[in-house]
C-alpha atoms as a PDB file:
ATOM      1  CA  MET A   1     -23.429 -15.835  33.018  1.00  0.00           C
ATOM      2  CA  ALA A   2     -22.442 -12.432  34.421  1.00  0.00           C
ATOM      3  CA  LYS A   3     -18.763 -13.380  34.319  1.00  0.00           C
ATOM      4  CA  ARG A   4     -19.089 -14.371  30.653  1.00  0.00           C
ATOM      5  CA  ARG A   5     -20.615 -10.989  29.763  1.00  0.00           C
ATOM      6  CA  PHE A   6     -17.878  -9.186  31.647  1.00  0.00           C
ATOM      7  CA  GLY A   7     -15.265 -11.273  29.837  1.00  0.00           C
ATOM      8  CA  LEU A   8     -16.809 -10.476  26.454  1.00  0.00           C
ATOM      9  CA  TRP A   9     -16.985  -6.791  27.349  1.00  0.00           C
ATOM     10  CA  SER A  10     -13.313  -6.687  28.359  1.00  0.00           C
ATOM     11  CA  GLU A  11     -12.332  -8.525  25.166  1.00  0.00           C
ATOM     12  CA  PHE A  12     -14.402  -6.090  23.105  1.00  0.00           C
ATOM     13  CA  LYS A  13     -12.861  -3.126  24.921  1.00  0.00           C
ATOM     14  CA  ALA A  14      -9.353  -4.478  24.274  1.00  0.00           C
ATOM     15  CA  PHE A  15     -10.209  -5.054  20.607  1.00  0.00           C
ATOM     16  CA  ILE A  16     -11.718  -1.616  20.035  1.00  0.00           C
ATOM     17  CA  SER A  17      -8.873   0.212  21.770  1.00  0.00           C
ATOM     18  CA  ARG A  18      -6.175  -1.336  19.571  1.00  0.00           C
ATOM     19  CA  GLY A  19      -4.474   1.156  17.312  1.00  0.00           C
ATOM     20  CA  SER A  20      -5.318  -0.599  14.053  1.00  0.00           C
ATOM     21  CA  VAL A  21      -9.071  -0.463  14.720  1.00  0.00           C
ATOM     22  CA  LEU A  22      -8.926   3.242  15.545  1.00  0.00           C
ATOM     23  CA  ASP A  23      -6.808   3.901  12.444  1.00  0.00           C
ATOM     24  CA  LEU A  24      -9.359   2.041  10.340  1.00  0.00           C
ATOM     25  CA  ALA A  25     -12.217   4.101  11.802  1.00  0.00           C
ATOM     26  CA  VAL A  26     -10.411   7.361  11.070  1.00  0.00           C
ATOM     27  CA  GLY A  27      -9.627   6.152   7.551  1.00  0.00           C
ATOM     28  CA  MET A  28     -13.280   5.302   6.915  1.00  0.00           C
ATOM     29  CA  ILE A  29     -14.430   8.758   8.070  1.00  0.00           C
ATOM     30  CA  ILE A  30     -11.843  10.537   5.931  1.00  0.00           C
ATOM     31  CA  GLY A  31     -12.682   8.271   2.989  1.00  0.00           C
ATOM     32  CA  ALA A  32     -16.385   9.098   3.256  1.00  0.00           C
ATOM     33  CA  ALA A  33     -15.627  12.834   3.348  1.00  0.00           C
ATOM     34  CA  PHE A  34     -13.247  12.514   0.413  1.00  0.00           C
ATOM     35  CA  THR A  35     -15.849  10.553  -1.580  1.00  0.00           C
ATOM     36  CA  ALA A  36     -18.356  13.362  -1.023  1.00  0.00           C
ATOM     37  CA  ILE A  37     -15.867  15.910  -2.375  1.00  0.00           C
ATOM     38  CA  VAL A  38     -15.060  13.856  -5.484  1.00  0.00           C
ATOM     39  CA  THR A  39     -18.751  13.128  -6.137  1.00  0.00           C
ATOM     40  CA  ALA A  40     -19.583  16.830  -5.892  1.00  0.00           C
ATOM     41  CA  LEU A  41     -16.745  17.658  -8.303  1.00  0.00           C
ATOM     42  CA  VAL A  42     -17.808  15.043 -10.826  1.00  0.00           C
ATOM     43  CA  ASN A  43     -21.556  15.684 -10.643  1.00  0.00           C
ATOM     44  CA  GLY A  44     -21.285  19.465 -10.390  1.00  0.00           C
ATOM     45  CA  ILE A  45     -18.583  20.193 -12.962  1.00  0.00           C
ATOM     46  CA  PHE A  46     -17.830  17.206 -15.192  1.00  0.00           C
ATOM     47  CA  LYS A  47     -21.360  15.819 -15.615  1.00  0.00           C
ATOM     48  CA  PRO A  48     -22.813  19.011 -17.135  1.00  0.00           C
ATOM     49  CA  LEU A  49     -19.871  19.166 -19.554  1.00  0.00           C
ATOM     50  CA  ILE A  50     -20.338  15.518 -20.586  1.00  0.00           C
ATOM     51  CA  ASP A  51     -24.123  15.901 -20.892  1.00  0.00           C
ATOM     52  CA  TRP A  52     -23.557  18.930 -23.106  1.00  0.00           C
ATOM     53  CA  ILE A  53     -22.006  16.704 -25.813  1.00  0.00           C
ATOM     54  CA  PRO A  54     -24.761  16.089 -28.387  1.00  0.00           C
ATOM     55  CA  MET A  55     -25.387  12.635 -29.858  1.00  0.00           C
ATOM     56  CA  GLY A  56     -27.314  13.062 -33.090  1.00  0.00           C
ATOM     57  CA  ASP A  57     -30.845  14.297 -32.512  1.00  0.00           C
ATOM     58  CA  MET A  58     -30.739  13.312 -28.836  1.00  0.00           C
ATOM     59  CA  LYS A  59     -29.975  15.640 -25.982  1.00  0.00           C
ATOM     60  CA  GLY A  60     -26.713  14.677 -24.302  1.00  0.00           C
ATOM     61  CA  LEU A  61     -25.324  11.167 -24.110  1.00  0.00           C
ATOM     62  CA  ILE A  62     -28.667   9.405 -23.780  1.00  0.00           C
ATOM     63  CA  THR A  63     -29.954   6.541 -25.902  1.00  0.00           C
ATOM     64  CA  TYR A  64     -33.727   6.241 -25.829  1.00  0.00           C
ATOM     65  CA  LEU A  65     -35.150   2.743 -25.929  1.00  0.00           C
ATOM     66  CA  ASP A  66     -38.764   3.913 -25.601  1.00  0.00           C
ATOM     67  CA  LYS A  67     -39.694   7.612 -25.778  1.00  0.00           C
ATOM     68  CA  VAL A  68     -42.807   8.854 -24.049  1.00  0.00           C
ATOM     69  CA  TYR A  69     -43.929  12.348 -25.006  1.00  0.00           C
ATOM     70  CA  MET A  70     -45.901  14.918 -23.047  1.00  0.00           C
ATOM     71  CA  LEU A  71     -47.013  18.493 -23.676  1.00  0.00           C
ATOM     72  CA  ASP A  72     -45.333  21.437 -21.985  1.00  0.00           C
ATOM     73  CA  ALA A  73     -47.090  24.647 -20.885  1.00  0.00           C
ATOM     74  CA  ASP A  74     -46.945  26.109 -24.427  1.00  0.00           C
ATOM     75  CA  GLY A  75     -48.436  22.960 -25.972  1.00  0.00           C
ATOM     76  CA  ASN A  76     -45.135  21.742 -27.425  1.00  0.00           C
ATOM     77  CA  GLN A  77     -44.400  18.035 -27.433  1.00  0.00           C
ATOM     78  CA  ILE A  78     -41.402  17.125 -25.208  1.00  0.00           C
ATOM     79  CA  VAL A  79     -39.907  13.865 -23.985  1.00  0.00           C
ATOM     80  CA  ASP A  80     -41.182  12.737 -20.570  1.00  0.00           C
ATOM     81  CA  MET A  81     -37.945  11.598 -18.935  1.00  0.00           C
ATOM     82  CA  THR A  82     -39.686  10.037 -15.909  1.00  0.00           C
ATOM     83  CA  ASN A  83     -41.750   7.642 -18.046  1.00  0.00           C
ATOM     84  CA  SER A  84     -39.302   7.101 -20.940  1.00  0.00           C
ATOM     85  CA  LEU A  85     -36.969   4.149 -21.075  1.00  0.00           C
ATOM     86  CA  TYR A  86     -33.398   5.235 -21.840  1.00  0.00           C
ATOM     87  CA  ILE A  87     -29.705   4.515 -21.270  1.00  0.00           C
ATOM     88  CA  ASN A  88     -27.868   7.408 -19.662  1.00  0.00           C
ATOM     89  CA  TRP A  89     -24.303   7.025 -20.919  1.00  0.00           C
ATOM     90  CA  GLY A  90     -23.313  10.201 -19.084  1.00  0.00           C
ATOM     91  CA  ASN A  91     -23.901   8.570 -15.692  1.00  0.00           C
ATOM     92  CA  PHE A  92     -21.701   5.627 -16.679  1.00  0.00           C
ATOM     93  CA  ILE A  93     -18.929   7.941 -17.863  1.00  0.00           C
ATOM     94  CA  MET A  94     -19.269   9.948 -14.630  1.00  0.00           C
ATOM     95  CA  ALA A  95     -18.785   6.779 -12.551  1.00  0.00           C
ATOM     96  CA  ILE A  96     -15.594   6.011 -14.483  1.00  0.00           C
ATOM     97  CA  ILE A  97     -14.316   9.588 -14.053  1.00  0.00           C
ATOM     98  CA  ASN A  98     -15.220   9.441 -10.350  1.00  0.00           C
ATOM     99  CA  PHE A  99     -13.204   6.230  -9.964  1.00  0.00           C
ATOM    100  CA  LEU A 100     -10.206   7.592 -11.887  1.00  0.00           C
ATOM    101  CA  ILE A 101     -10.087  10.829  -9.871  1.00  0.00           C
ATOM    102  CA  THR A 102     -10.353   8.918  -6.599  1.00  0.00           C
ATOM    103  CA  ALA A 103      -7.614   6.474  -7.647  1.00  0.00           C
ATOM    104  CA  LEU A 104      -5.363   9.319  -8.825  1.00  0.00           C
ATOM    105  CA  VAL A 105      -5.733  11.287  -5.589  1.00  0.00           C
ATOM    106  CA  LEU A 106      -5.176   8.175  -3.447  1.00  0.00           C
ATOM    107  CA  PHE A 107      -2.079   7.351  -5.489  1.00  0.00           C
ATOM    108  CA  ALA A 108      -0.775  10.889  -4.925  1.00  0.00           C
ATOM    109  CA  ILE A 109      -1.465  10.698  -1.170  1.00  0.00           C
ATOM    110  CA  ILE A 110       0.285   7.322  -0.825  1.00  0.00           C
ATOM    111  CA  LYS A 111       3.217   8.577  -2.924  1.00  0.00           C
ATOM    112  CA  ILE A 112       3.579  11.639  -0.652  1.00  0.00           C
ATOM    113  CA  ILE A 113       3.365   9.517   2.514  1.00  0.00           C
ATOM    114  CA  ASN A 114       6.008   7.089   1.208  1.00  0.00           C
ATOM    115  CA  THR A 115       8.281   9.964   0.189  1.00  0.00           C
ATOM    116  CA  VAL A 116       7.966  11.579   3.620  1.00  0.00           C
ATOM    117  CA  ARG A 117       8.544   8.217   5.325  1.00  0.00           C
ATOM    118  CA  ASP A 118      11.640   7.507   3.214  1.00  0.00           C
ATOM    119  CA  SER A 119      13.071  10.967   3.849  1.00  0.00           C
ATOM    120  CA  ALA A 120      12.426  10.534   7.587  1.00  0.00           C
ATOM    121  CA  LYS A 121      14.376   7.269   7.495  1.00  0.00           C
ATOM    122  CA  MET A 122      17.231   9.082   5.762  1.00  0.00           C
ATOM    123  CA  LEU A 123      17.287  11.676   8.560  1.00  0.00           C
ATOM    124  CA  GLU A 124      17.453   9.046  11.307  1.00  0.00           C
ATOM    125  CA  GLY A 125      20.861   8.827  12.862  1.00  0.00           C
ATOM    126  CA  PRO A 126      22.944   5.702  12.437  1.00  0.00           C
ATOM    127  CA  ASP A 127      23.354   3.194  15.280  1.00  0.00           C
ATOM    128  CA  LEU A 128      26.554   4.739  16.586  1.00  0.00           C
ATOM    129  CA  SER A 129      27.543   6.339  19.842  1.00  0.00           C
ATOM    130  CA  LYS A 130      28.122  10.100  19.984  1.00  0.00           C
ATOM    131  CA  GLU A 131      31.871   9.535  20.176  1.00  0.00           C
ATOM    132  CA  GLU A 132      31.854   7.297  17.087  1.00  0.00           C
ATOM    133  CA  ILE A 133      29.759   9.851  15.178  1.00  0.00           C
ATOM    134  CA  ALA A 134      32.175  12.633  16.149  1.00  0.00           C
ATOM    135  CA  GLU A 135      35.138  10.508  15.066  1.00  0.00           C
ATOM    136  CA  LEU A 136      33.550   9.663  11.703  1.00  0.00           C
ATOM    137  CA  LYS A 137      32.618  13.318  11.146  1.00  0.00           C
ATOM    138  CA  ALA A 138      36.233  14.242  11.848  1.00  0.00           C
ATOM    139  CA  GLN A 139      37.198  11.782   9.101  1.00  0.00           C
ATOM    140  CA  GLY A 140      34.867  13.689   6.754  1.00  0.00           C
ATOM    141  CA  MET A 141      32.035  11.154   6.474  1.00  0.00           C
ATOM    142  CA  SER A 142      28.556  12.324   5.522  1.00  0.00           C
ATOM    143  CA  ARG A 143      25.384  10.934   7.134  1.00  0.00           C
ATOM    144  CA  LYS A 144      24.849   8.681   4.128  1.00  0.00           C
ATOM    145  CA  GLN A 145      28.400   7.323   4.375  1.00  0.00           C
ATOM    146  CA  MET A 146      27.884   6.731   8.124  1.00  0.00           C
ATOM    147  CA  LYS A 147      24.731   4.729   7.356  1.00  0.00           C
ATOM    148  CA  GLU A 148      26.654   2.643   4.821  1.00  0.00           C
ATOM    149  CA  TYR A 149      29.433   2.163   7.382  1.00  0.00           C
ATOM    150  CA  VAL A 150      26.911   0.966   9.990  1.00  0.00           C
ATOM    151  CA  ALA A 151      25.256  -1.368   7.454  1.00  0.00           C
ATOM    152  CA  LYS A 152      28.676  -2.845   6.566  1.00  0.00           C
ATOM    153  CA  LYS A 153      29.494  -3.303  10.262  1.00  0.00           C
ATOM    154  CA  LYS A 154      26.195  -5.099  10.811  1.00  0.00           C
ATOM    155  CA  ALA A 155      26.741  -7.331   7.770  1.00  0.00           C
ATOM    156  CA  ASP A 156      30.291  -8.159   8.918  1.00  0.00           C
ATOM    157  CA  ALA A 157      29.039  -8.933  12.433  1.00  0.00           C
ATOM    158  CA  ALA A 158      26.299 -11.194  11.040  1.00  0.00           C
ATOM    159  CA  ALA A 159      28.820 -13.011   8.823  1.00  0.00           C
ATOM    160  CA  ALA A 160      31.212 -13.460  11.767  1.00  0.00           C
ATOM    161  CA  ALA A 161      28.386 -14.788  13.942  1.00  0.00           C
ATOM    162  CA  GLU A 162      27.398 -17.249  11.223  1.00  0.00           C
ATOM    163  CA  ALA A 163      31.023 -18.414  10.801  1.00  0.00           C
ATOM    164  CA  GLU A 164      31.373 -18.870  14.575  1.00  0.00           C
ATOM    165  CA  LYS A 165      28.112 -20.781  14.671  1.00  0.00           C
ATOM    166  CA  LEU A 166      29.356 -23.117  11.947  1.00  0.00           C
ATOM    167  CA  ALA A 167      32.751 -23.536  13.635  1.00  0.00           C
ATOM    168  CA  ASN A 168      31.213 -24.370  17.014  1.00  0.00           C
ATOM    169  CA  ALA A 169      28.514 -26.623  15.608  1.00  0.00           C
ATOM    170  CA  PRO A 170      28.912 -30.297  16.473  1.00  0.00           C
ATOM    171  CA  GLU A 171      29.954 -32.532  13.613  1.00  0.00           C
ATOM    172  CA  THR A 172      27.155 -34.354  11.926  1.00  0.00           C
ATOM    173  CA  THR A 173      27.245 -38.020  11.013  1.00  0.00           C
ATOM    174  CA  GLU A 174      27.595 -37.094   7.346  1.00  0.00           C
ATOM    175  CA  GLN A 175      30.659 -34.949   8.065  1.00  0.00           C
ATOM    176  CA  ILE A 176      32.280 -37.746  10.088  1.00  0.00           C
ATOM    177  CA  LEU A 177      31.594 -40.317   7.331  1.00  0.00           C
ATOM    178  CA  LYS A 178      32.991 -37.947   4.714  1.00  0.00           C
ATOM    179  CA  ASP A 179      36.178 -37.497   6.775  1.00  0.00           C
ATOM    180  CA  ILE A 180      36.510 -41.298   7.165  1.00  0.00           C
ATOM    181  CA  ARG A 181      36.104 -41.835   3.400  1.00  0.00           C
ATOM    182  CA  GLU A 182      38.762 -39.245   2.626  1.00  0.00           C
ATOM    183  CA  LEU A 183      41.119 -40.838   5.168  1.00  0.00           C
ATOM    184  CA  LEU A 184      40.548 -44.310   3.685  1.00  0.00           C
ATOM    185  CA  LYS A 185      41.155 -43.020   0.147  1.00  0.00           C
ATOM    186  CA  SER A 186      44.409 -41.391   1.208  1.00  0.00           C
ATOM    187  CA  LEU A 187      45.513 -44.647   2.932  1.00  0.00           C
ATOM    188  CA  GLN A 188      44.718 -46.692  -0.186  1.00  0.00           C
ATOM    189  CA  THR A 189      46.727 -44.371  -2.417  1.00  0.00           C
ATOM    190  CA  GLU A 190      49.699 -44.588   0.000  1.00  0.00           C
ATOM    191  CA  GLN A 191      49.547 -48.401   0.049  1.00  0.00           C
ATOM    192  CA  LYS A 192      49.550 -48.552  -3.760  1.00  0.00           C
ATOM    193  CA  LYS A 193      52.780 -46.557  -3.913  1.00  0.00           C
END
């Protein structure tokens, strides 16, 4: 039983120390902090502005289903919000705004990361030796042209490897039968002449 626990512990330790798990943990922490910032922005700035919009005789974007009144300190009748039954449209609108802001910021972050990643790939040197790079620079090639040159070389090498593979491949039964048919057809046409 002790060996089993030790085995589970080592498996758990290997799992938790993988990079993807740590990246996920960091992402969750940053996401929680970011959510707090967006919620504060929406509830502190946008919600008061939305609630300020009047809807008929009601205060803000609230639809009362059942109003309960109470008296304030001056004896005026006011709505008791804790005991009244109402629909708070402002909260619903705030949730939508919260979602849209979060989605917009995440889109911007991902766009920036992809742009940086793509520009980093453009700055990577091509798969050439220093001598080849110097020779191509002497010919007046830019980095982009060198990358295209390397890509063409790789494509040509792949095509040559494929052609060699096909040339060295053993003949299949279908190929042999096809050759026999063609030979027989040519013999029949010669005999007819």
